[in-house]
Amino acid sequence: AVPVLGSHAVPDEPVVTTAHRARAVIAERLRSITGRQVERVTVTFSSS
């Protein structure tokens, strides 16, 4: 997810930081919802 082009909005964080944060959030939320340990989360950005 990128900001509207021409809006001069700067993303809140770099892409790598977004991926790291999302991996941690995904692992924790899945663990809390399913009760299963999440050993690995891989995030691939396929487009924007």
All heavy atoms as atom14 arrays in JSON, in Angstrom:
{
  "sequence": "AVPVLGSHAVPDEPVVTTAHRARAVIAERLRSITGRQVERVTVTFSSS",
  "atom14_mask": [
    [1, 1, 1, 1, 1, 0, 0, 0, 0, 0, 0, 0, 0, 0],
    [1, 1, 1, 1, 1, 1, 1, 0, 0, 0, 0, 0, 0, 0],
    [1, 1, 1, 1, 1, 1, 1, 0, 0, 0, 0, 0, 0, 0],
    [1, 1, 1, 1, 1, 1, 1, 0, 0, 0, 0, 0, 0, 0],
    [1, 1, 1, 1, 1, 1, 1, 1, 0, 0, 0, 0, 0, 0],
    [1, 1, 1, 1, 0, 0, 0, 0, 0, 0, 0, 0, 0, 0],
    [1, 1, 1, 1, 1, 1, 0, 0, 0, 0, 0, 0, 0, 0],
    [1, 1, 1, 1, 1, 1, 1, 1, 1, 1, 0, 0, 0, 0],
    [1, 1, 1, 1, 1, 0, 0, 0, 0, 0, 0, 0, 0, 0],
    [1, 1, 1, 1, 1, 1, 1, 0, 0, 0, 0, 0, 0, 0],
    [1, 1, 1, 1, 1, 1, 1, 0, 0, 0, 0, 0, 0, 0],
    [1, 1, 1, 1, 1, 1, 1, 1, 0, 0, 0, 0, 0, 0],
    [1, 1, 1, 1, 1, 1, 1, 1, 1, 0, 0, 0, 0, 0],
    [1, 1, 1, 1, 1, 1, 1, 0, 0, 0, 0, 0, 0, 0],
    [1, 1, 1, 1, 1, 1, 1, 0, 0, 0, 0, 0, 0, 0],
    [1, 1, 1, 1, 1, 1, 1, 0, 0, 0, 0, 0, 0, 0],
    [1, 1, 1, 1, 1, 1, 1, 0, 0, 0, 0, 0, 0, 0],
    [1, 1, 1, 1, 1, 1, 1, 0, 0, 0, 0, 0, 0, 0],
    [1, 1, 1, 1, 1, 0, 0, 0, 0, 0, 0, 0, 0, 0],
    [1, 1, 1, 1, 1, 1, 1, 1, 1, 1, 0, 0, 0, 0],
    [1, 1, 1, 1, 1, 1, 1, 1, 1, 1, 1, 0, 0, 0],
    [1, 1, 1, 1, 1, 0, 0, 0, 0, 0, 0, 0, 0, 0],
    [1, 1, 1, 1, 1, 1, 1, 1, 1, 1, 1, 0, 0, 0],
    [1, 1, 1, 1, 1, 0, 0, 0, 0, 0, 0, 0, 0, 0],
    [1, 1, 1, 1, 1, 1, 1, 0, 0, 0, 0, 0, 0, 0],
    [1, 1, 1, 1, 1, 1, 1, 1, 0, 0, 0, 0, 0, 0],
    [1, 1, 1, 1, 1, 0, 0, 0, 0, 0, 0, 0, 0, 0],
    [1, 1, 1, 1, 1, 1, 1, 1, 1, 0, 0, 0, 0, 0],
    [1, 1, 1, 1, 1, 1, 1, 1, 1, 1, 1, 0, 0, 0],
    [1, 1, 1, 1, 1, 1, 1, 1, 0, 0, 0, 0, 0, 0],
    [1, 1, 1, 1, 1, 1, 1, 1, 1, 1, 1, 0, 0, 0],
    [1, 1, 1, 1, 1, 1, 0, 0, 0, 0, 0, 0, 0, 0],
    [1, 1, 1, 1, 1, 1, 1, 1, 0, 0, 0, 0, 0, 0],
    [1, 1, 1, 1, 1, 1, 1, 0, 0, 0, 0, 0, 0, 0],
    [1, 1, 1, 1, 0, 0, 0, 0, 0, 0, 0, 0, 0, 0],
    [1, 1, 1, 1, 1, 1, 1, 1, 1, 1, 1, 0, 0, 0],
    [1, 1, 1, 1, 1, 1, 1, 1, 1, 0, 0, 0, 0, 0],
    [1, 1, 1, 1, 1, 1, 1, 0, 0, 0, 0, 0, 0, 0],
    [1, 1, 1, 1, 1, 1, 1, 1, 1, 0, 0, 0, 0, 0],
    [1, 1, 1, 1, 1, 1, 1, 1, 1, 1, 1, 0, 0, 0],
    [1, 1, 1, 1, 1, 1, 1, 0, 0, 0, 0, 0, 0, 0],
    [1, 1, 1, 1, 1, 1, 1, 0, 0, 0, 0, 0, 0, 0],
    [1, 1, 1, 1, 1, 1, 1, 0, 0, 0, 0, 0, 0, 0],
    [1, 1, 1, 1, 1, 1, 1, 0, 0, 0, 0, 0, 0, 0],
    [1, 1, 1, 1, 1, 1, 1, 1, 1, 1, 1, 0, 0, 0],
    [1, 1, 1, 1, 1, 1, 0, 0, 0, 0, 0, 0, 0, 0],
    [1, 1, 1, 1, 1, 1, 0, 0, 0, 0, 0, 0, 0, 0],
    [1, 1, 1, 1, 1, 1, 0, 0, 0, 0, 0, 0, 0, 0]
  ],
  "atom14_positions": [
    [[0.85, -1.19, 0.0], [0.0, 0.0, 0.0], [0.88, 1.24, 0.0], [1.71, 1.41, 0.89], [-0.92, 0.0, 1.22], [0.0, 0.0, 0.0], [0.0, 0.0, 0.0], [0.0, 0.0, 0.0], [0.0, 0.0, 0.0], [0.0, 0.0, 0.0], [0.0, 0.0, 0.0], [0.0, 0.0, 0.0], [0.0, 0.0, 0.0], [0.0, 0.0, 0.0]],
    [[0.75, 2.07, -1.03], [1.55, 3.29, -1.14], [0.62, 4.49, -1.15], [-0.54, 4.39, -1.57], [2.43, 3.29, -2.42], [3.44, 2.18, -2.36], [1.59, 3.16, -3.67], [0.0, 0.0, 0.0], [0.0, 0.0, 0.0], [0.0, 0.0, 0.0], [0.0, 0.0, 0.0], [0.0, 0.0, 0.0], [0.0, 0.0, 0.0], [0.0, 0.0, 0.0]],
    [[1.11, 5.67, -0.7], [0.25, 6.86, -0.7], [-0.05, 7.33, -2.12], [0.64, 6.96, -3.07], [1.07, 7.9, 0.07], [2.45, 7.38, 0.15], [2.42, 5.92, -0.13], [0.0, 0.0, 0.0], [0.0, 0.0, 0.0], [0.0, 0.0, 0.0], [0.0, 0.0, 0.0], [0.0, 0.0, 0.0], [0.0, 0.0, 0.0], [0.0, 0.0, 0.0]],
    [[-1.07, 8.14, -2.24], [-1.47, 8.69, -3.53], [-0.31, 9.46, -4.14], [0.31, 10.3, -3.47], [-2.7, 9.64, -3.36], [-3.08, 10.28, -4.68], [-3.87, 8.89, -2.77], [0.0, 0.0, 0.0], [0.0, 0.0, 0.0], [0.0, 0.0, 0.0], [0.0, 0.0, 0.0], [0.0, 0.0, 0.0], [0.0, 0.0, 0.0], [0.0, 0.0, 0.0]],
    [[0.02, 9.15, -5.4], [1.12, 9.84, -6.07], [0.76, 11.31, -6.26], [-0.37, 11.65, -6.58], [1.4, 9.19, -7.42], [1.86, 7.73, -7.35], [2.02, 7.16, -8.74], [3.15, 7.61, -6.57], [0.0, 0.0, 0.0], [0.0, 0.0, 0.0], [0.0, 0.0, 0.0], [0.0, 0.0, 0.0], [0.0, 0.0, 0.0], [0.0, 0.0, 0.0]],
    [[1.72, 12.17, -6.07], [1.49, 13.61, -6.22], [0.96, 14.24, -4.96], [0.8, 15.46, -4.91], [0.0, 0.0, 0.0], [0.0, 0.0, 0.0], [0.0, 0.0, 0.0], [0.0, 0.0, 0.0], [0.0, 0.0, 0.0], [0.0, 0.0, 0.0], [0.0, 0.0, 0.0], [0.0, 0.0, 0.0], [0.0, 0.0, 0.0], [0.0, 0.0, 0.0]],
    [[0.66, 13.48, -3.95], [0.13, 14.05, -2.7], [1.26, 14.52, -1.79], [1.0, 15.13, -0.76], [-0.72, 13.03, -1.96], [0.09, 11.97, -1.48], [0.0, 0.0, 0.0], [0.0, 0.0, 0.0], [0.0, 0.0, 0.0], [0.0, 0.0, 0.0], [0.0, 0.0, 0.0], [0.0, 0.0, 0.0], [0.0, 0.0, 0.0], [0.0, 0.0, 0.0]],
    [[2.49, 14.23, -2.17], [3.67, 14.57, -1.39], [3.66, 13.91, -0.02], [4.37, 14.33, 0.88], [3.85, 16.09, -1.25], [3.93, 16.78, -2.57], [5.01, 16.63, -3.41], [3.05, 17.6, -3.21], [4.8, 17.34, -4.51], [3.63, 17.94, -4.42], [0.0, 0.0, 0.0], [0.0, 0.0, 0.0], [0.0, 0.0, 0.0], [0.0, 0.0, 0.0]],
    [[2.84, 12.9, 0.12], [2.81, 12.14, 1.37], [3.97, 11.15, 1.35], [4.21, 10.48, 0.35], [1.49, 11.41, 1.53], [0.0, 0.0, 0.0], [0.0, 0.0, 0.0], [0.0, 0.0, 0.0], [0.0, 0.0, 0.0], [0.0, 0.0, 0.0], [0.0, 0.0, 0.0], [0.0, 0.0, 0.0], [0.0, 0.0, 0.0], [0.0, 0.0, 0.0]],
    [[4.66, 11.1, 2.43], [5.78, 10.17, 2.55], [5.29, 8.97, 3.36], [4.59, 9.14, 4.36], [6.96, 10.86, 3.28], [8.1, 9.89, 3.49], [7.4, 12.09, 2.51], [0.0, 0.0, 0.0], [0.0, 0.0, 0.0], [0.0, 0.0, 0.0], [0.0, 0.0, 0.0], [0.0, 0.0, 0.0], [0.0, 0.0, 0.0], [0.0, 0.0, 0.0]],
    [[5.61, 7.77, 2.9], [5.19, 6.6, 3.68], [5.68, 6.71, 5.12], [6.74, 7.28, 5.39], [5.85, 5.42, 2.96], [6.12, 5.91, 1.58], [6.36, 7.38, 1.71], [0.0, 0.0, 0.0], [0.0, 0.0, 0.0], [0.0, 0.0, 0.0], [0.0, 0.0, 0.0], [0.0, 0.0, 0.0], [0.0, 0.0, 0.0], [0.0, 0.0, 0.0]],
    [[4.9, 6.16, 6.05], [5.24, 6.23, 7.46], [6.55, 5.53, 7.79], [7.24, 5.91, 8.73], [4.13, 5.59, 8.31], [2.81, 6.33, 8.17], [2.84, 7.52, 7.8], [1.77, 5.72, 8.43], [0.0, 0.0, 0.0], [0.0, 0.0, 0.0], [0.0, 0.0, 0.0], [0.0, 0.0, 0.0], [0.0, 0.0, 0.0], [0.0, 0.0, 0.0]],
    [[6.87, 4.5, 7.02], [8.06, 3.7, 7.3], [8.59, 3.08, 6.02], [7.84, 2.94, 5.05], [7.74, 2.61, 8.33], [6.62, 1.69, 7.91], [6.09, 0.83, 9.04], [6.45, 1.03, 10.21], [5.29, -0.06, 8.74], [0.0, 0.0, 0.0], [0.0, 0.0, 0.0], [0.0, 0.0, 0.0], [0.0, 0.0, 0.0], [0.0, 0.0, 0.0]],
    [[9.84, 2.69, 5.99], [10.38, 2.02, 4.8], [9.69, 0.67, 4.57], [9.13, 0.08, 5.49], [11.86, 1.81, 5.14], [12.15, 2.74, 6.25], [10.87, 2.94, 6.99], [0.0, 0.0, 0.0], [0.0, 0.0, 0.0], [0.0, 0.0, 0.0], [0.0, 0.0, 0.0], [0.0, 0.0, 0.0], [0.0, 0.0, 0.0], [0.0, 0.0, 0.0]],
    [[9.76, 0.18, 3.35], [9.1, -1.08, 2.98], [9.59, -2.24, 3.84], [8.79, -3.06, 4.3], [9.33, -1.38, 1.48], [8.79, -2.75, 1.12], [8.69, -0.31, 0.63], [0.0, 0.0, 0.0], [0.0, 0.0, 0.0], [0.0, 0.0, 0.0], [0.0, 0.0, 0.0], [0.0, 0.0, 0.0], [0.0, 0.0, 0.0], [0.0, 0.0, 0.0]],
    [[10.88, -2.3, 4.1], [11.43, -3.39, 4.91], [10.85, -3.35, 6.32], [10.49, -4.37, 6.9], [12.98, -3.33, 4.93], [13.56, -4.34, 5.89], [13.53, -3.54, 3.53], [0.0, 0.0, 0.0], [0.0, 0.0, 0.0], [0.0, 0.0, 0.0], [0.0, 0.0, 0.0], [0.0, 0.0, 0.0], [0.0, 0.0, 0.0], [0.0, 0.0, 0.0]],
    [[10.74, -2.16, 6.88], [10.16, -2.01, 8.22], [8.69, -2.42, 8.21], [8.21, -3.06, 9.15], [10.31, -0.57, 8.72], [11.69, -0.2, 8.64], [9.83, -0.41, 10.13], [0.0, 0.0, 0.0], [0.0, 0.0, 0.0], [0.0, 0.0, 0.0], [0.0, 0.0, 0.0], [0.0, 0.0, 0.0], [0.0, 0.0, 0.0], [0.0, 0.0, 0.0]],
    [[7.97, -2.06, 7.16], [6.57, -2.46, 7.02], [6.45, -3.98, 7.04], [5.59, -4.54, 7.72], [5.97, -1.91, 5.71], [6.03, -0.48, 5.73], [4.53, -2.35, 5.52], [0.0, 0.0, 0.0], [0.0, 0.0, 0.0], [0.0, 0.0, 0.0], [0.0, 0.0, 0.0], [0.0, 0.0, 0.0], [0.0, 0.0, 0.0], [0.0, 0.0, 0.0]],
    [[7.31, -4.65, 6.29], [7.28, -6.12, 6.23], [7.61, -6.73, 7.59], [6.94, -7.67, 8.03], [8.24, -6.62, 5.17], [0.0, 0.0, 0.0], [0.0, 0.0, 0.0], [0.0, 0.0, 0.0], [0.0, 0.0, 0.0], [0.0, 0.0, 0.0], [0.0, 0.0, 0.0], [0.0, 0.0, 0.0], [0.0, 0.0, 0.0], [0.0, 0.0, 0.0]],
    [[8.63, -6.21, 8.28], [9.0, -6.74, 9.6], [7.87, -6.55, 10.61], [7.54, -7.46, 11.37], [10.27, -6.07, 10.13], [11.51, -6.51, 9.43], [11.98, -7.8, 9.46], [12.39, -5.81, 8.66], [13.09, -7.88, 8.76], [13.35, -6.69, 8.25], [0.0, 0.0, 0.0], [0.0, 0.0, 0.0], [0.0, 0.0, 0.0], [0.0, 0.0, 0.0]],
    [[7.28, -5.36, 10.62], [6.18, -5.08, 11.54], [4.99, -5.99, 11.25], [4.4, -6.56, 12.15], [5.76, -3.61, 11.42], [4.58, -3.24, 12.32], [4.02, -1.86, 11.98], [3.74, -1.68, 10.56], [2.66, -2.15, 9.94], [1.77, -2.86, 10.58], [2.47, -1.92, 8.65], [0.0, 0.0, 0.0], [0.0, 0.0, 0.0], [0.0, 0.0, 0.0]],
    [[4.65, -6.13, 9.96], [3.51, -6.96, 9.57], [3.74, -8.41, 9.95], [2.82, -9.09, 10.42], [3.27, -6.83, 8.06], [0.0, 0.0, 0.0], [0.0, 0.0, 0.0], [0.0, 0.0, 0.0], [0.0, 0.0, 0.0], [0.0, 0.0, 0.0], [0.0, 0.0, 0.0], [0.0, 0.0, 0.0], [0.0, 0.0, 0.0], [0.0, 0.0, 0.0]],
    [[4.96, -8.91, 9.77], [5.25, -10.3, 10.14], [5.0, -10.53, 11.62], [4.42, -11.54, 12.03], [6.7, -10.66, 9.79], [6.9, -10.87, 8.32], [8.24, -11.44, 7.94], [9.21, -11.59, 8.99], [10.46, -11.14, 8.94], [10.89, -10.5, 7.88], [11.28, -11.32, 9.94], [0.0, 0.0, 0.0], [0.0, 0.0, 0.0], [0.0, 0.0, 0.0]],
    [[5.46, -9.61, 12.46], [5.27, -9.75, 13.9], [3.79, -9.69, 14.27], [3.31, -10.49, 15.08], [6.05, -8.67, 14.64], [0.0, 0.0, 0.0], [0.0, 0.0, 0.0], [0.0, 0.0, 0.0], [0.0, 0.0, 0.0], [0.0, 0.0, 0.0], [0.0, 0.0, 0.0], [0.0, 0.0, 0.0], [0.0, 0.0, 0.0], [0.0, 0.0, 0.0]],
    [[3.07, -8.75, 13.67], [1.63, -8.61, 13.94], [0.87, -9.86, 13.49], [0.03, -10.38, 14.22], [1.06, -7.35, 13.26], [-0.46, -7.34, 13.27], [1.62, -6.09, 13.9], [0.0, 0.0, 0.0], [0.0, 0.0, 0.0], [0.0, 0.0, 0.0], [0.0, 0.0, 0.0], [0.0, 0.0, 0.0], [0.0, 0.0, 0.0], [0.0, 0.0, 0.0]],
    [[1.18, -10.35, 12.3], [0.51, -11.53, 11.76], [0.76, -12.74, 12.67], [-0.17, -13.47, 13.02], [0.95, -11.81, 10.32], [0.44, -10.7, 9.39], [0.48, -13.18, 9.84], [1.1, -10.66, 8.02], [0.0, 0.0, 0.0], [0.0, 0.0, 0.0], [0.0, 0.0, 0.0], [0.0, 0.0, 0.0], [0.0, 0.0, 0.0], [0.0, 0.0, 0.0]],
    [[2.0, -12.95, 13.06], [2.33, -14.09, 13.92], [1.59, -14.02, 15.25], [1.0, -15.0, 15.7], [3.84, -14.16, 14.14], [0.0, 0.0, 0.0], [0.0, 0.0, 0.0], [0.0, 0.0, 0.0], [0.0, 0.0, 0.0], [0.0, 0.0, 0.0], [0.0, 0.0, 0.0], [0.0, 0.0, 0.0], [0.0, 0.0, 0.0], [0.0, 0.0, 0.0]],
    [[1.6, -12.85, 15.88], [0.95, -12.71, 17.19], [-0.56, -12.85, 17.1], [-1.19, -13.53, 17.92], [1.33, -11.36, 17.82], [0.64, -11.08, 19.13], [0.85, -12.17, 20.19], [1.91, -12.82, 20.2], [-0.07, -12.38, 21.0], [0.0, 0.0, 0.0], [0.0, 0.0, 0.0], [0.0, 0.0, 0.0], [0.0, 0.0, 0.0], [0.0, 0.0, 0.0]],
    [[-1.17, -12.22, 16.1], [-2.64, -12.31, 15.95], [-3.08, -13.73, 15.63], [-4.06, -14.22, 16.18], [-3.13, -11.36, 14.86], [-2.97, -9.91, 15.19], [-4.13, -9.3, 15.93], [-5.32, -9.32, 15.09], [-6.53, -9.56, 15.58], [-6.72, -9.79, 16.85], [-7.58, -9.56, 14.79], [0.0, 0.0, 0.0], [0.0, 0.0, 0.0], [0.0, 0.0, 0.0]],
    [[-2.35, -14.43, 14.76], [-2.71, -15.82, 14.45], [-2.56, -16.7, 15.68], [-3.38, -17.57, 15.94], [-1.86, -16.37, 13.31], [-2.3, -15.98, 11.92], [-1.3, -16.51, 10.89], [-3.69, -16.5, 11.61], [0.0, 0.0, 0.0], [0.0, 0.0, 0.0], [0.0, 0.0, 0.0], [0.0, 0.0, 0.0], [0.0, 0.0, 0.0], [0.0, 0.0, 0.0]],
    [[-1.5, -16.47, 16.46], [-1.31, -17.25, 17.67], [-2.45, -17.01, 18.66], [-2.99, -17.93, 19.24], [0.02, -16.9, 18.35], [0.33, -17.83, 19.53], [1.32, -17.22, 20.5], [0.9, -15.95, 21.04], [-0.07, -15.78, 21.96], [-0.73, -16.8, 22.42], [-0.37, -14.58, 22.39], [0.0, 0.0, 0.0], [0.0, 0.0, 0.0], [0.0, 0.0, 0.0]],
    [[-2.86, -15.74, 18.81], [-3.93, -15.45, 19.77], [-5.29, -15.95, 19.29], [-6.11, -16.36, 20.1], [-3.98, -13.95, 20.07], [-4.41, -13.22, 18.94], [0.0, 0.0, 0.0], [0.0, 0.0, 0.0], [0.0, 0.0, 0.0], [0.0, 0.0, 0.0], [0.0, 0.0, 0.0], [0.0, 0.0, 0.0], [0.0, 0.0, 0.0], [0.0, 0.0, 0.0]],
    [[-5.52, -15.97, 17.98], [-6.81, -16.43, 17.46], [-6.89, -17.95, 17.42], [-7.9, -18.54, 17.84], [-7.06, -15.85, 16.05], [-7.27, -14.33, 16.14], [-8.26, -16.52, 15.38], [-7.26, -13.63, 14.8], [0.0, 0.0, 0.0], [0.0, 0.0, 0.0], [0.0, 0.0, 0.0], [0.0, 0.0, 0.0], [0.0, 0.0, 0.0], [0.0, 0.0, 0.0]],
    [[-5.85, -18.6, 16.92], [-5.91, -20.06, 16.72], [-5.35, -20.87, 17.88], [-5.63, -22.06, 17.99], [-5.13, -20.47, 15.45], [-3.73, -20.21, 15.65], [-5.64, -19.73, 14.23], [0.0, 0.0, 0.0], [0.0, 0.0, 0.0], [0.0, 0.0, 0.0], [0.0, 0.0, 0.0], [0.0, 0.0, 0.0], [0.0, 0.0, 0.0], [0.0, 0.0, 0.0]],
    [[-4.53, -20.24, 18.71], [-3.9, -20.97, 19.79], [-2.71, -21.8, 19.34], [-2.14, -22.56, 20.12], [0.0, 0.0, 0.0], [0.0, 0.0, 0.0], [0.0, 0.0, 0.0], [0.0, 0.0, 0.0], [0.0, 0.0, 0.0], [0.0, 0.0, 0.0], [0.0, 0.0, 0.0], [0.0, 0.0, 0.0], [0.0, 0.0, 0.0], [0.0, 0.0, 0.0]],
    [[-2.32, -21.68, 18.09], [-1.18, -22.42, 17.55], [0.04, -21.52, 17.49], [-0.06, -20.32, 17.21], [-1.48, -22.93, 16.13], [-2.69, -23.8, 15.97], [-2.41, -25.28, 16.03], [-1.32, -25.76, 15.22], [-1.45, -26.33, 14.02], [-2.64, -26.46, 13.47], [-0.39, -26.79, 13.38], [0.0, 0.0, 0.0], [0.0, 0.0, 0.0], [0.0, 0.0, 0.0]],
    [[1.2, -22.09, 17.74], [2.45, -21.35, 17.63], [2.73, -21.08, 16.15], [2.54, -21.95, 15.31], [3.6, -22.18, 18.23], [4.93, -21.49, 18.22], [4.95, -20.25, 19.09], [4.29, -20.21, 20.13], [5.7, -19.25, 18.69], [0.0, 0.0, 0.0], [0.0, 0.0, 0.0], [0.0, 0.0, 0.0], [0.0, 0.0, 0.0], [0.0, 0.0, 0.0]],
    [[3.16, -19.87, 15.83], [3.52, -19.5, 14.46], [5.04, -19.39, 14.41], [5.63, -18.49, 15.01], [2.85, -18.18, 14.02], [3.26, -17.82, 12.61], [1.33, -18.3, 14.12], [0.0, 0.0, 0.0], [0.0, 0.0, 0.0], [0.0, 0.0, 0.0], [0.0, 0.0, 0.0], [0.0, 0.0, 0.0], [0.0, 0.0, 0.0], [0.0, 0.0, 0.0]],
    [[5.66, -20.33, 13.74], [7.12, -20.41, 13.7], [7.72, -19.45, 12.67], [8.77, -18.87, 12.9], [7.55, -21.84, 13.38], [9.01, -22.09, 13.53], [9.51, -21.94, 14.96], [8.74, -22.2, 15.9], [10.67, -21.53, 15.12], [0.0, 0.0, 0.0], [0.0, 0.0, 0.0], [0.0, 0.0, 0.0], [0.0, 0.0, 0.0], [0.0, 0.0, 0.0]],
    [[7.05, -19.29, 11.53], [7.64, -18.48, 10.45], [6.54, -17.77, 9.68], [5.51, -18.35, 9.38], [8.44, -19.39, 9.51], [9.16, -18.63, 8.42], [9.95, -19.55, 7.51], [9.02, -20.3, 6.66], [8.98, -21.63, 6.6], [9.79, -22.36, 7.31], [8.13, -22.23, 5.81], [0.0, 0.0, 0.0], [0.0, 0.0, 0.0], [0.0, 0.0, 0.0]],
    [[6.78, -16.5, 9.35], [5.89, -15.73, 8.49], [6.76, -15.11, 7.4], [7.75, -14.43, 7.69], [5.14, -14.62, 9.26], [4.3, -13.79, 8.3], [4.28, -15.2, 10.36], [0.0, 0.0, 0.0], [0.0, 0.0, 0.0], [0.0, 0.0, 0.0], [0.0, 0.0, 0.0], [0.0, 0.0, 0.0], [0.0, 0.0, 0.0], [0.0, 0.0, 0.0]],
    [[6.39, -15.35, 6.15], [7.09, -14.76, 5.01], [6.12, -13.82, 4.3], [5.0, -14.22, 3.98], [7.53, -15.86, 4.03], [8.37, -16.79, 4.73], [8.3, -15.27, 2.85], [0.0, 0.0, 0.0], [0.0, 0.0, 0.0], [0.0, 0.0, 0.0], [0.0, 0.0, 0.0], [0.0, 0.0, 0.0], [0.0, 0.0, 0.0], [0.0, 0.0, 0.0]],
    [[6.53, -12.58, 4.1], [5.7, -11.59, 3.4], [6.37, -11.25, 2.08], [7.54, -10.87, 2.04], [5.5, -10.32, 4.24], [4.74, -9.26, 3.45], [4.77, -10.64, 5.53], [0.0, 0.0, 0.0], [0.0, 0.0, 0.0], [0.0, 0.0, 0.0], [0.0, 0.0, 0.0], [0.0, 0.0, 0.0], [0.0, 0.0, 0.0], [0.0, 0.0, 0.0]],
    [[5.63, -11.4, 0.98], [6.1, -11.03, -0.35], [5.18, -9.97, -0.9], [3.96, -10.17, -0.96], [6.1, -12.25, -1.29], [6.92, -13.27, -0.71], [6.61, -11.88, -2.67], [0.0, 0.0, 0.0], [0.0, 0.0, 0.0], [0.0, 0.0, 0.0], [0.0, 0.0, 0.0], [0.0, 0.0, 0.0], [0.0, 0.0, 0.0], [0.0, 0.0, 0.0]],
    [[5.75, -8.82, -1.29], [4.96, -7.77, -1.94], [4.99, -8.05, -3.44], [6.04, -8.0, -4.06], [5.51, -6.38, -1.62], [5.36, -6.01, -0.18], [6.47, -5.8, 0.62], [4.11, -5.86, 0.39], [6.35, -5.45, 1.94], [3.96, -5.52, 1.72], [5.08, -5.31, 2.5], [0.0, 0.0, 0.0], [0.0, 0.0, 0.0], [0.0, 0.0, 0.0]],
    [[3.82, -8.34, -4.01], [3.74, -8.74, -5.41], [3.45, -7.57, -6.35], [3.69, -7.67, -7.55], [2.66, -9.79, -5.57], [1.41, -9.28, -5.12], [0.0, 0.0, 0.0], [0.0, 0.0, 0.0], [0.0, 0.0, 0.0], [0.0, 0.0, 0.0], [0.0, 0.0, 0.0], [0.0, 0.0, 0.0], [0.0, 0.0, 0.0], [0.0, 0.0, 0.0]],
    [[2.93, -6.5, -5.82], [2.57, -5.31, -6.62], [2.37, -4.17, -5.64], [2.73, -4.28, -4.47], [1.3, -5.58, -7.43], [0.21, -5.83, -6.55], [0.0, 0.0, 0.0], [0.0, 0.0, 0.0], [0.0, 0.0, 0.0], [0.0, 0.0, 0.0], [0.0, 0.0, 0.0], [0.0, 0.0, 0.0], [0.0, 0.0, 0.0], [0.0, 0.0, 0.0]],
    [[1.81, -3.09, -6.12], [1.48, -1.99, -5.22], [0.08, -1.49, -5.53], [-0.41, -1.61, -6.66], [2.5, -0.86, -5.33], [2.46, -0.32, -6.63], [0.0, 0.0, 0.0], [0.0, 0.0, 0.0], [0.0, 0.0, 0.0], [0.0, 0.0, 0.0], [0.0, 0.0, 0.0], [0.0, 0.0, 0.0], [0.0, 0.0, 0.0], [0.0, 0.0, 0.0]]
  ]
}
